[in-house]
Each structure stands twice: as C-alpha cells, then as structure tokens.
Amino acid sequence: MSNLTIKRVGELLRSVFEILWDKPDGLTAKEVLSLIPITNQLSEDELRYSSKSNLPRYERIVRLATIPLVHAGWLLKTEKGRWYITEEGYQACRRFVNVQDFYKEAMRLYEARKQAVPESIMVMEIAQEAAWGQIESHLRQLHHTKLQTMLAELLRAMDYHPSWIAPPEKERGHIDLIAFVDPIGAKGQRIIGQIKHRGQAVTLEGIRSFLSTLGPNDYGVIFSIGGFTNEAMQALASGNFQKITSLNSGAFFDLWKQYYNQLNREAQDLLPLKIIYFLSKDQ
C-alpha cells in the first residue's frame, strides 16, 4: 500500500464502516467487499487484480487496512469471516470525522508492526473465511436424515441418550428426534429435537409452534440451517423461551468442533474436520 495516500485508505475504511453501520448482526467479509465498488468510485488500478494475492487490489488494501481497526478494538472479525463494528468503533467513527485522522488513530493504537505480520494475518483471514464457506455449504447440501443423525450423535457425545429418530418415510412434523438425559429415561426429562434444513430462517411463530409440542419435563433444540429471524432471536434472548435452545449453522459447528473427538468415526465422516496450522506471531 506504499503508493496509496493515508486519505485514500481512510476513505475505503470509512466505506467499510458505512456498509456495516446499521448492521448490528454484521455482514460476511465477502458481502462487505462486494459492496465497496458500489459505495466508492474505484480507480482502474484499485480494481486491477494483484498478481501476488490474486485479489482485486482494493480488496487487498481493505483487508490489510482493517487489521489495525481490529487491534484498536473498533472492528470485530470472527473466525467464520463475519465483520462487526464494536461500540468502540462507533464511538471512534463519530470522534474522528476526518478519514485521515480516523486511520492514523487506528494505526497509533495498533502500534508499529513488522510488515510481514499484516500479510500473514490477511492470509489466515481468507483461509478461515474460505473454510467456513465450504463447511456451511456442506451442511446446506446434506439430506435431512443425515442432519438428524449428526444432531443425535452430537447429543450422544455430550452424554445425552438419543432414543428415537424420525424415520425417513415419516411426514415432516415438529419432532425429529428424542433423547433422554439418562440411559433409561428414569429421570423423565427429555430433549426434543427439530431440524430445519430448507434454508429459510425460523420465525417467532415457528418458535411458538415448537414450544407447544414440549411437555412439562421436555427441553427443545431447534437446529436451523437457515438461522433465525431477528424477531425470533430477540424473543429467545428475552428469557421467554428458556426451554428452547437455538442452533444455527455456526453454533452447531462450534459444538461439533468442541465434541469432535468424542464422536464415533461414522459420525465424524458426516462432517470431517482437519486442523490446519498457521505461522503465529504476536498481534
């Protein structure tokens, strides 16, 4: 970025914040970067692909320039490639109206780093985003029955005891599996599982409908590939649905990763994982 002015980098970073400003749930890095050419008049040089990274030059600029924002605590990037503005980021954007001052302050907080460090961080970010994209796509393509098996095996790895899985020929209903909290069900408490895999977000009405199927000693788990609407998430967070646990693809994967070594080989093969190591430097 040596031939770029601080002002230009600041303008591109400000665009990132404008894109994310009214997105409390954030956006994926891919979504943010795809919107920058719409919100900015990019030069031919900025649109040109870099031979080093095989990315449009503006994308490489933004990825590298946002690293100080992360270390300043203004921007949050998850391992699954989702970007959010933090509360400190909102405050900084209001405080530093001048785009150059905005970037300079982020750099000051970031402190001087070796030139190789941002490059290695960018490589890791892109790899993490690509890996999660493949995992999410894989989950979306799995048949309903395989998702049933995965949820049942995950519960088994968590020391619960699946006792019934809906057969493939069963007409789709509210219940996909039942598990007990003890081996023979003597305690009476059950976990009722429901899987939504069609890609549509579960609504508040869907949550209420599922709740109506639970008995007094039942706890519900909804695993939705399409996630949940904002209204549904707010209701779940309010405490009105304490008997229901919601799992989107990301939350399910985090549990799958956590209990991966407790899963049997057949279960692991449904979503096989392999650890990849990156060079680590102080960040």
C-alpha atoms as a PDB file:
ATOM      1  CA  MET A   1       0.000   0.000   0.000  1.00  0.00           C
ATOM      2  CA  SER A   2       3.078   2.207  -0.225  1.00  0.00           C
ATOM      3  CA  ASN A   3       1.791   4.240  -3.172  1.00  0.00           C
ATOM      4  CA  LEU A   4      -1.558   4.934  -1.523  1.00  0.00           C
ATOM      5  CA  THR A   5      -2.286   8.086   0.413  1.00  0.00           C
ATOM      6  CA  ILE A   6      -3.485   7.897   4.008  1.00  0.00           C
ATOM      7  CA  LYS A   7      -6.553   9.822   2.904  1.00  0.00           C
ATOM      8  CA  ARG A   8      -7.472   7.176   0.321  1.00  0.00           C
ATOM      9  CA  VAL A   9      -7.031   4.323   2.780  1.00  0.00           C
ATOM     10  CA  GLY A  10      -9.147   6.264   5.267  1.00  0.00           C
ATOM     11  CA  GLU A  11     -11.870   6.707   2.659  1.00  0.00           C
ATOM     12  CA  LEU A  12     -12.003   2.985   1.972  1.00  0.00           C
ATOM     13  CA  LEU A  13     -12.109   2.190   5.689  1.00  0.00           C
ATOM     14  CA  ARG A  14     -14.871   4.723   6.210  1.00  0.00           C
ATOM     15  CA  SER A  15     -16.804   2.901   3.465  1.00  0.00           C
ATOM     16  CA  VAL A  16     -16.460  -0.334   5.411  1.00  0.00           C
ATOM     17  CA  PHE A  17     -17.998   1.359   8.434  1.00  0.00           C
ATOM     18  CA  GLU A  18     -20.794   2.932   6.349  1.00  0.00           C
ATOM     19  CA  ILE A  19     -21.676  -0.501   4.951  1.00  0.00           C
ATOM     20  CA  LEU A  20     -21.721  -2.073   8.426  1.00  0.00           C
ATOM     21  CA  TRP A  21     -23.164   0.911  10.306  1.00  0.00           C
ATOM     22  CA  ASP A  22     -26.789  -0.243  10.518  1.00  0.00           C
ATOM     23  CA  LYS A  23     -25.958  -3.964  10.547  1.00  0.00           C
ATOM     24  CA  PRO A  24     -25.838  -4.990  14.244  1.00  0.00           C
ATOM     25  CA  ASP A  25     -25.556  -8.629  13.157  1.00  0.00           C
ATOM     26  CA  GLY A  26     -22.669  -7.742  10.848  1.00  0.00           C
ATOM     27  CA  LEU A  27     -22.005  -8.975   7.333  1.00  0.00           C
ATOM     28  CA  THR A  28     -19.631 -11.504   5.865  1.00  0.00           C
ATOM     29  CA  ALA A  29     -16.334 -10.148   4.588  1.00  0.00           C
ATOM     30  CA  LYS A  30     -17.392 -11.212   1.104  1.00  0.00           C
ATOM     31  CA  GLU A  31     -20.557  -9.096   1.355  1.00  0.00           C
ATOM     32  CA  VAL A  32     -18.688  -6.055   2.663  1.00  0.00           C
ATOM     33  CA  LEU A  33     -16.014  -6.226  -0.024  1.00  0.00           C
ATOM     34  CA  SER A  34     -18.570  -6.719  -2.798  1.00  0.00           C
ATOM     35  CA  LEU A  35     -20.370  -3.507  -1.754  1.00  0.00           C
ATOM     36  CA  ILE A  36     -17.283  -1.286  -1.732  1.00  0.00           C
ATOM     37  CA  PRO A  37     -17.267  -0.749  -5.546  1.00  0.00           C
ATOM     38  CA  ILE A  38     -20.900   0.348  -5.206  1.00  0.00           C
ATOM     39  CA  THR A  39     -20.251   2.847  -2.421  1.00  0.00           C
ATOM     40  CA  ASN A  40     -16.942   4.085  -3.853  1.00  0.00           C
ATOM     41  CA  GLN A  41     -15.691   5.286  -7.187  1.00  0.00           C
ATOM     42  CA  LEU A  42     -12.739   2.948  -7.583  1.00  0.00           C
ATOM     43  CA  SER A  43      -9.898   3.595  -9.977  1.00  0.00           C
ATOM     44  CA  GLU A  44      -8.790   1.118 -12.615  1.00  0.00           C
ATOM     45  CA  ASP A  45      -5.690   0.469 -10.558  1.00  0.00           C
ATOM     46  CA  GLU A  46      -7.760  -0.346  -7.475  1.00  0.00           C
ATOM     47  CA  LEU A  47      -9.944  -2.733  -9.489  1.00  0.00           C
ATOM     48  CA  ARG A  48      -6.944  -4.450 -11.059  1.00  0.00           C
ATOM     49  CA  TYR A  49      -6.136  -7.919  -9.743  1.00  0.00           C
ATOM     50  CA  SER A  50      -2.970  -8.286  -7.704  1.00  0.00           C
ATOM     51  CA  SER A  51      -0.603 -10.943  -9.035  1.00  0.00           C
ATOM     52  CA  LYS A  52       0.640 -11.587  -5.510  1.00  0.00           C
ATOM     53  CA  SER A  53      -2.687 -12.403  -3.845  1.00  0.00           C
ATOM     54  CA  ASN A  54      -4.997 -12.945  -6.859  1.00  0.00           C
ATOM     55  CA  LEU A  55      -7.416 -10.455  -5.308  1.00  0.00           C
ATOM     56  CA  PRO A  56      -8.679  -7.136  -6.644  1.00  0.00           C
ATOM     57  CA  ARG A  57      -6.218  -4.549  -5.392  1.00  0.00           C
ATOM     58  CA  TYR A  58      -8.886  -2.643  -3.448  1.00  0.00           C
ATOM     59  CA  GLU A  59      -9.817  -5.857  -1.595  1.00  0.00           C
ATOM     60  CA  ARG A  60      -6.225  -6.467  -0.577  1.00  0.00           C
ATOM     61  CA  ILE A  61      -5.954  -2.825   0.547  1.00  0.00           C
ATOM     62  CA  VAL A  62      -9.108  -3.089   2.668  1.00  0.00           C
ATOM     63  CA  ARG A  63      -8.161  -6.434   4.214  1.00  0.00           C
ATOM     64  CA  LEU A  64      -4.743  -5.125   5.242  1.00  0.00           C
ATOM     65  CA  ALA A  65      -6.011  -1.722   6.331  1.00  0.00           C
ATOM     66  CA  THR A  66      -8.720  -3.206   8.559  1.00  0.00           C
ATOM     67  CA  ILE A  67      -6.171  -5.135  10.607  1.00  0.00           C
ATOM     68  CA  PRO A  68      -5.298  -2.049  12.702  1.00  0.00           C
ATOM     69  CA  LEU A  69      -9.028  -1.466  13.260  1.00  0.00           C
ATOM     70  CA  VAL A  70      -9.337  -4.951  14.722  1.00  0.00           C
ATOM     71  CA  HIS A  71      -6.380  -4.401  17.038  1.00  0.00           C
ATOM     72  CA  ALA A  72      -7.738  -0.989  18.009  1.00  0.00           C
ATOM     73  CA  GLY A  73     -10.926  -2.747  19.112  1.00  0.00           C
ATOM     74  CA  TRP A  74     -13.071  -0.936  16.536  1.00  0.00           C
ATOM     75  CA  LEU A  75     -13.870  -3.852  14.245  1.00  0.00           C
ATOM     76  CA  LEU A  76     -14.574  -7.473  15.123  1.00  0.00           C
ATOM     77  CA  LYS A  77     -13.805 -10.276  12.669  1.00  0.00           C
ATOM     78  CA  THR A  78     -14.989 -13.755  13.556  1.00  0.00           C
ATOM     79  CA  GLU A  79     -13.303 -16.987  12.511  1.00  0.00           C
ATOM     80  CA  LYS A  80     -16.240 -17.571  10.185  1.00  0.00           C
ATOM     81  CA  GLY A  81     -15.451 -14.381   8.271  1.00  0.00           C
ATOM     82  CA  ARG A  82     -18.161 -12.116   9.670  1.00  0.00           C
ATOM     83  CA  TRP A  83     -17.355  -8.449  10.353  1.00  0.00           C
ATOM     84  CA  TYR A  84     -18.993  -6.270  13.025  1.00  0.00           C
ATOM     85  CA  ILE A  85     -18.475  -2.712  14.254  1.00  0.00           C
ATOM     86  CA  THR A  86     -17.838  -2.661  18.007  1.00  0.00           C
ATOM     87  CA  GLU A  87     -19.198   0.009  20.344  1.00  0.00           C
ATOM     88  CA  GLU A  88     -15.680   1.481  20.472  1.00  0.00           C
ATOM     89  CA  GLY A  89     -15.737   1.541  16.673  1.00  0.00           C
ATOM     90  CA  TYR A  90     -18.980   3.502  16.573  1.00  0.00           C
ATOM     91  CA  GLN A  91     -17.536   5.997  19.043  1.00  0.00           C
ATOM     92  CA  ALA A  92     -14.270   6.321  17.102  1.00  0.00           C
ATOM     93  CA  CYS A  93     -16.136   6.923  13.854  1.00  0.00           C
ATOM     94  CA  ARG A  94     -18.099   9.732  15.466  1.00  0.00           C
ATOM     95  CA  ARG A  95     -14.998  11.172  17.136  1.00  0.00           C
ATOM     96  CA  PHE A  96     -12.721  11.126  14.098  1.00  0.00           C
ATOM     97  CA  VAL A  97     -14.794  12.612  11.294  1.00  0.00           C
ATOM     98  CA  ASN A  98     -11.729  13.247   9.155  1.00  0.00           C
ATOM     99  CA  VAL A  99     -10.882   9.996   7.363  1.00  0.00           C
ATOM    100  CA  GLN A 100      -7.131  10.561   7.707  1.00  0.00           C
ATOM    101  CA  ASP A 101      -7.377  11.127  11.455  1.00  0.00           C
ATOM    102  CA  PHE A 102      -9.555   8.019  11.717  1.00  0.00           C
ATOM    103  CA  TYR A 103      -6.921   5.820  10.087  1.00  0.00           C
ATOM    104  CA  LYS A 104      -3.985   7.482  11.871  1.00  0.00           C
ATOM    105  CA  GLU A 105      -5.562   6.878  15.275  1.00  0.00           C
ATOM    106  CA  ALA A 106      -6.157   3.221  14.427  1.00  0.00           C
ATOM    107  CA  MET A 107      -2.529   2.915  13.371  1.00  0.00           C
ATOM    108  CA  ARG A 108      -1.375   4.601  16.581  1.00  0.00           C
ATOM    109  CA  LEU A 109      -3.342   2.107  18.666  1.00  0.00           C
ATOM    110  CA  TYR A 110      -2.148  -0.757  16.548  1.00  0.00           C
ATOM    111  CA  GLU A 111       1.478   0.266  17.141  1.00  0.00           C
ATOM    112  CA  ALA A 112       4.322  -0.371  14.791  1.00  0.00           C
ATOM    113  CA  ARG A 113       4.377  -3.911  13.459  1.00  0.00           C
ATOM    114  CA  LYS A 114       6.628  -5.774  11.072  1.00  0.00           C
ATOM    115  CA  GLN A 115       5.430  -5.595   7.501  1.00  0.00           C
ATOM    116  CA  ALA A 116       5.112  -9.355   7.261  1.00  0.00           C
ATOM    117  CA  VAL A 117       2.619  -9.602  10.094  1.00  0.00           C
ATOM    118  CA  PRO A 118      -0.367  -7.956   8.363  1.00  0.00           C
ATOM    119  CA  GLU A 119       0.266 -10.085   5.276  1.00  0.00           C
ATOM    120  CA  SER A 120       0.208 -13.296   7.303  1.00  0.00           C
ATOM    121  CA  ILE A 121      -2.939 -12.190   9.135  1.00  0.00           C
ATOM    122  CA  MET A 122      -4.672 -11.488   5.833  1.00  0.00           C
ATOM    123  CA  VAL A 123      -3.747 -14.939   4.522  1.00  0.00           C
ATOM    124  CA  MET A 124      -5.182 -16.528   7.669  1.00  0.00           C
ATOM    125  CA  GLU A 125      -8.397 -14.489   7.447  1.00  0.00           C
ATOM    126  CA  ILE A 126      -9.002 -15.500   3.835  1.00  0.00           C
ATOM    127  CA  ALA A 127      -8.324 -19.155   4.646  1.00  0.00           C
ATOM    128  CA  GLN A 128     -10.728 -19.082   7.604  1.00  0.00           C
ATOM    129  CA  GLU A 129     -13.457 -17.472   5.518  1.00  0.00           C
ATOM    130  CA  ALA A 130     -12.999 -19.995   2.701  1.00  0.00           C
ATOM    131  CA  ALA A 131     -13.019 -22.913   5.150  1.00  0.00           C
ATOM    132  CA  TRP A 132     -16.221 -21.762   6.825  1.00  0.00           C
ATOM    133  CA  GLY A 133     -17.841 -21.172   3.434  1.00  0.00           C
ATOM    134  CA  GLN A 134     -17.140 -24.793   2.489  1.00  0.00           C
ATOM    135  CA  ILE A 135     -18.428 -26.095   5.815  1.00  0.00           C
ATOM    136  CA  GLU A 136     -21.634 -24.037   5.637  1.00  0.00           C
ATOM    137  CA  SER A 137     -22.222 -25.157   2.035  1.00  0.00           C
ATOM    138  CA  HIS A 138     -21.672 -28.783   3.048  1.00  0.00           C
ATOM    139  CA  LEU A 139     -24.260 -28.514   5.832  1.00  0.00           C
ATOM    140  CA  ARG A 140     -26.795 -26.962   3.455  1.00  0.00           C
ATOM    141  CA  GLN A 141     -26.377 -29.819   0.985  1.00  0.00           C
ATOM    142  CA  LEU A 142     -26.784 -32.639   3.497  1.00  0.00           C
ATOM    143  CA  HIS A 143     -30.035 -34.587   3.438  1.00  0.00           C
ATOM    144  CA  HIS A 144     -32.427 -34.105   6.335  1.00  0.00           C
ATOM    145  CA  THR A 145     -31.810 -37.644   7.621  1.00  0.00           C
ATOM    146  CA  LYS A 146     -28.059 -37.038   7.833  1.00  0.00           C
ATOM    147  CA  LEU A 147     -28.622 -33.863   9.816  1.00  0.00           C
ATOM    148  CA  GLN A 148     -30.837 -35.893  12.154  1.00  0.00           C
ATOM    149  CA  THR A 149     -28.015 -38.376  12.635  1.00  0.00           C
ATOM    150  CA  MET A 150     -25.496 -35.593  13.218  1.00  0.00           C
ATOM    151  CA  LEU A 151     -27.640 -33.945  15.889  1.00  0.00           C
ATOM    152  CA  ALA A 152     -28.278 -37.303  17.561  1.00  0.00           C
ATOM    153  CA  GLU A 153     -24.567 -38.190  17.591  1.00  0.00           C
ATOM    154  CA  LEU A 154     -23.650 -34.741  18.892  1.00  0.00           C
ATOM    155  CA  LEU A 155     -26.098 -35.168  21.771  1.00  0.00           C
ATOM    156  CA  ARG A 156     -24.630 -38.623  22.424  1.00  0.00           C
ATOM    157  CA  ALA A 157     -21.139 -37.127  22.565  1.00  0.00           C
ATOM    158  CA  MET A 158     -22.494 -34.614  25.101  1.00  0.00           C
ATOM    159  CA  ASP A 159     -23.602 -37.552  27.309  1.00  0.00           C
ATOM    160  CA  TYR A 160     -27.268 -37.490  26.386  1.00  0.00           C
ATOM    161  CA  HIS A 161     -29.071 -40.584  25.161  1.00  0.00           C
ATOM    162  CA  PRO A 162     -30.983 -40.464  21.848  1.00  0.00           C
ATOM    163  CA  SER A 163     -33.884 -42.919  21.980  1.00  0.00           C
ATOM    164  CA  TRP A 164     -35.826 -42.166  18.806  1.00  0.00           C
ATOM    165  CA  ILE A 165     -35.129 -40.632  15.395  1.00  0.00           C
ATOM    166  CA  ALA A 166     -37.962 -39.914  12.974  1.00  0.00           C
ATOM    167  CA  PRO A 167     -37.871 -42.442  10.096  1.00  0.00           C
ATOM    168  CA  PRO A 168     -37.308 -41.081   6.567  1.00  0.00           C
ATOM    169  CA  GLU A 169     -40.837 -42.002   5.473  1.00  0.00           C
ATOM    170  CA  LYS A 170     -42.416 -40.074   8.361  1.00  0.00           C
ATOM    171  CA  GLU A 171     -44.244 -36.975   7.235  1.00  0.00           C
ATOM    172  CA  ARG A 172     -42.356 -33.911   8.389  1.00  0.00           C
ATOM    173  CA  GLY A 173     -43.574 -32.769  11.758  1.00  0.00           C
ATOM    174  CA  HIS A 174     -42.338 -30.841  14.722  1.00  0.00           C
ATOM    175  CA  ILE A 175     -40.199 -33.642  16.171  1.00  0.00           C
ATOM    176  CA  ASP A 176     -37.122 -35.145  14.502  1.00  0.00           C
ATOM    177  CA  LEU A 177     -35.550 -36.879  17.483  1.00  0.00           C
ATOM    178  CA  ILE A 178     -35.971 -37.559  21.179  1.00  0.00           C
ATOM    179  CA  ALA A 179     -33.164 -38.018  23.687  1.00  0.00           C
ATOM    180  CA  PHE A 180     -33.130 -38.667  27.431  1.00  0.00           C
ATOM    181  CA  VAL A 181     -30.789 -37.142  29.989  1.00  0.00           C
ATOM    182  CA  ASP A 182     -30.088 -40.587  31.496  1.00  0.00           C
ATOM    183  CA  PRO A 183     -29.593 -44.008  29.857  1.00  0.00           C
ATOM    184  CA  ILE A 184     -33.054 -45.446  30.604  1.00  0.00           C
ATOM    185  CA  GLY A 185     -35.138 -42.292  30.880  1.00  0.00           C
ATOM    186  CA  ALA A 186     -35.805 -42.811  34.579  1.00  0.00           C
ATOM    187  CA  LYS A 187     -35.462 -39.099  35.342  1.00  0.00           C
ATOM    188  CA  GLY A 188     -38.243 -38.306  32.908  1.00  0.00           C
ATOM    189  CA  GLN A 189     -36.517 -35.347  31.314  1.00  0.00           C
ATOM    190  CA  ARG A 190     -36.354 -35.411  27.537  1.00  0.00           C
ATOM    191  CA  ILE A 191     -34.686 -33.392  24.802  1.00  0.00           C
ATOM    192  CA  ILE A 192     -36.902 -32.857  21.779  1.00  0.00           C
ATOM    193  CA  GLY A 193     -35.024 -32.011  18.587  1.00  0.00           C
ATOM    194  CA  GLN A 194     -36.301 -30.263  15.480  1.00  0.00           C
ATOM    195  CA  ILE A 195     -34.283 -29.676  12.297  1.00  0.00           C
ATOM    196  CA  LYS A 196     -34.978 -27.028   9.677  1.00  0.00           C
ATOM    197  CA  HIS A 197     -32.805 -27.519   6.601  1.00  0.00           C
ATOM    198  CA  ARG A 198     -34.635 -25.761   3.767  1.00  0.00           C
ATOM    199  CA  GLY A 199     -32.651 -22.546   4.142  1.00  0.00           C
ATOM    200  CA  GLN A 200     -35.469 -20.386   5.493  1.00  0.00           C
ATOM    201  CA  ALA A 201     -34.977 -18.604   8.794  1.00  0.00           C
ATOM    202  CA  VAL A 202     -37.130 -19.829  11.680  1.00  0.00           C
ATOM    203  CA  THR A 203     -39.690 -17.214  12.679  1.00  0.00           C
ATOM    204  CA  LEU A 204     -41.102 -16.313  16.079  1.00  0.00           C
ATOM    205  CA  GLU A 205     -44.268 -18.171  15.123  1.00  0.00           C
ATOM    206  CA  GLY A 206     -42.136 -21.231  14.395  1.00  0.00           C
ATOM    207  CA  ILE A 207     -40.588 -20.994  17.863  1.00  0.00           C
ATOM    208  CA  ARG A 208     -44.007 -20.732  19.487  1.00  0.00           C
ATOM    209  CA  SER A 209     -45.322 -23.650  17.463  1.00  0.00           C
ATOM    210  CA  PHE A 210     -42.393 -25.830  18.531  1.00  0.00           C
ATOM    211  CA  LEU A 211     -42.824 -24.789  22.173  1.00  0.00           C
ATOM    212  CA  SER A 212     -46.400 -26.064  22.084  1.00  0.00           C
ATOM    213  CA  THR A 213     -45.127 -29.615  21.424  1.00  0.00           C
ATOM    214  CA  LEU A 214     -42.980 -29.710  24.581  1.00  0.00           C
ATOM    215  CA  GLY A 215     -44.212 -31.415  27.717  1.00  0.00           C
ATOM    216  CA  PRO A 216     -43.564 -30.116  31.242  1.00  0.00           C
ATOM    217  CA  ASN A 217     -40.304 -32.115  31.508  1.00  0.00           C
ATOM    218  CA  ASP A 218     -39.146 -31.511  27.938  1.00  0.00           C
ATOM    219  CA  TYR A 219     -36.431 -29.222  26.618  1.00  0.00           C
ATOM    220  CA  GLY A 220     -36.271 -28.299  22.956  1.00  0.00           C
ATOM    221  CA  VAL A 221     -33.421 -27.913  20.490  1.00  0.00           C
ATOM    222  CA  ILE A 222     -34.003 -26.305  17.097  1.00  0.00           C
ATOM    223  CA  PHE A 223     -31.193 -26.743  14.590  1.00  0.00           C
ATOM    224  CA  SER A 224     -31.861 -24.399  11.674  1.00  0.00           C
ATOM    225  CA  ILE A 225     -29.526 -24.273   8.676  1.00  0.00           C
ATOM    226  CA  GLY A 226     -31.199 -21.023   7.605  1.00  0.00           C
ATOM    227  CA  GLY A 227     -30.817 -19.440  11.026  1.00  0.00           C
ATOM    228  CA  PHE A 228     -33.482 -17.442  12.827  1.00  0.00           C
ATOM    229  CA  THR A 229     -35.218 -14.151  12.123  1.00  0.00           C
ATOM    230  CA  ASN A 230     -34.231 -11.126  14.210  1.00  0.00           C
ATOM    231  CA  GLU A 231     -37.631 -11.214  15.895  1.00  0.00           C
ATOM    232  CA  ALA A 232     -37.149 -14.859  16.836  1.00  0.00           C
ATOM    233  CA  MET A 233     -33.629 -14.234  18.177  1.00  0.00           C
ATOM    234  CA  GLN A 234     -34.803 -11.300  20.281  1.00  0.00           C
ATOM    235  CA  ALA A 235     -37.598 -13.406  21.744  1.00  0.00           C
ATOM    236  CA  LEU A 236     -35.221 -16.282  22.528  1.00  0.00           C
ATOM    237  CA  ALA A 237     -32.800 -13.873  24.211  1.00  0.00           C
ATOM    238  CA  SER A 238     -35.572 -12.309  26.293  1.00  0.00           C
ATOM    239  CA  GLY A 239     -35.932 -15.373  28.501  1.00  0.00           C
ATOM    240  CA  ASN A 240     -39.492 -16.183  27.447  1.00  0.00           C
ATOM    241  CA  PHE A 241     -38.347 -19.396  25.804  1.00  0.00           C
ATOM    242  CA  GLN A 242     -35.887 -20.758  28.345  1.00  0.00           C
ATOM    243  CA  LYS A 243     -36.795 -24.344  27.474  1.00  0.00           C
ATOM    244  CA  ILE A 244     -35.599 -23.934  23.888  1.00  0.00           C
ATOM    245  CA  THR A 245     -32.009 -23.880  22.623  1.00  0.00           C
ATOM    246  CA  SER A 246     -31.480 -22.482  19.135  1.00  0.00           C
ATOM    247  CA  LEU A 247     -28.627 -23.618  16.921  1.00  0.00           C
ATOM    248  CA  ASN A 248     -27.798 -22.001  13.604  1.00  0.00           C
ATOM    249  CA  SER A 249     -25.073 -23.459  11.386  1.00  0.00           C
ATOM    250  CA  GLY A 250     -22.343 -21.582  13.213  1.00  0.00           C
ATOM    251  CA  ALA A 251     -23.469 -22.567  16.705  1.00  0.00           C
ATOM    252  CA  PHE A 252     -23.929 -26.203  15.661  1.00  0.00           C
ATOM    253  CA  PHE A 253     -20.459 -26.262  14.116  1.00  0.00           C
ATOM    254  CA  ASP A 254     -18.882 -24.810  17.253  1.00  0.00           C
ATOM    255  CA  LEU A 255     -20.371 -27.677  19.283  1.00  0.00           C
ATOM    256  CA  TRP A 256     -19.384 -30.208  16.619  1.00  0.00           C
ATOM    257  CA  LYS A 257     -15.810 -28.939  16.788  1.00  0.00           C
ATOM    258  CA  GLN A 258     -15.817 -28.940  20.596  1.00  0.00           C
ATOM    259  CA  TYR A 259     -17.017 -32.553  20.850  1.00  0.00           C
ATOM    260  CA  TYR A 260     -15.408 -33.848  17.655  1.00  0.00           C
ATOM    261  CA  ASN A 261     -13.021 -36.227  19.428  1.00  0.00           C
ATOM    262  CA  GLN A 262     -15.934 -37.773  21.346  1.00  0.00           C
ATOM    263  CA  LEU A 263     -17.826 -38.616  18.140  1.00  0.00           C
ATOM    264  CA  ASN A 264     -17.515 -42.070  16.589  1.00  0.00           C
ATOM    265  CA  ARG A 265     -15.816 -42.447  13.208  1.00  0.00           C
ATOM    266  CA  GLU A 266     -19.093 -42.792  11.295  1.00  0.00           C
ATOM    267  CA  ALA A 267     -20.382 -39.551  12.775  1.00  0.00           C
ATOM    268  CA  GLN A 268     -17.120 -37.727  12.081  1.00  0.00           C
ATOM    269  CA  ASP A 269     -17.349 -38.758   8.436  1.00  0.00           C
ATOM    270  CA  LEU A 270     -20.581 -36.778   8.075  1.00  0.00           C
ATOM    271  CA  LEU A 271     -18.610 -33.572   8.676  1.00  0.00           C
ATOM    272  CA  PRO A 272     -14.906 -34.478   8.742  1.00  0.00           C
ATOM    273  CA  LEU A 273     -12.551 -31.834  10.111  1.00  0.00           C
ATOM    274  CA  LYS A 274      -8.819 -31.387   9.873  1.00  0.00           C
ATOM    275  CA  ILE A 275      -6.700 -28.920  11.824  1.00  0.00           C
ATOM    276  CA  ILE A 276      -4.621 -26.529   9.723  1.00  0.00           C
ATOM    277  CA  TYR A 277      -1.714 -24.701  11.335  1.00  0.00           C
ATOM    278  CA  PHE A 278      -0.640 -21.129  10.584  1.00  0.00           C
ATOM    279  CA  LEU A 279       2.507 -19.284  11.500  1.00  0.00           C
ATOM    280  CA  SER A 280       1.728 -17.386  14.691  1.00  0.00           C
ATOM    281  CA  LYS A 281       3.214 -14.005  15.539  1.00  0.00           C
ATOM    282  CA  ASP A 282       2.359 -11.532  18.277  1.00  0.00           C
ATOM    283  CA  GLN A 283      -0.586  -9.481  17.036  1.00  0.00           C
END
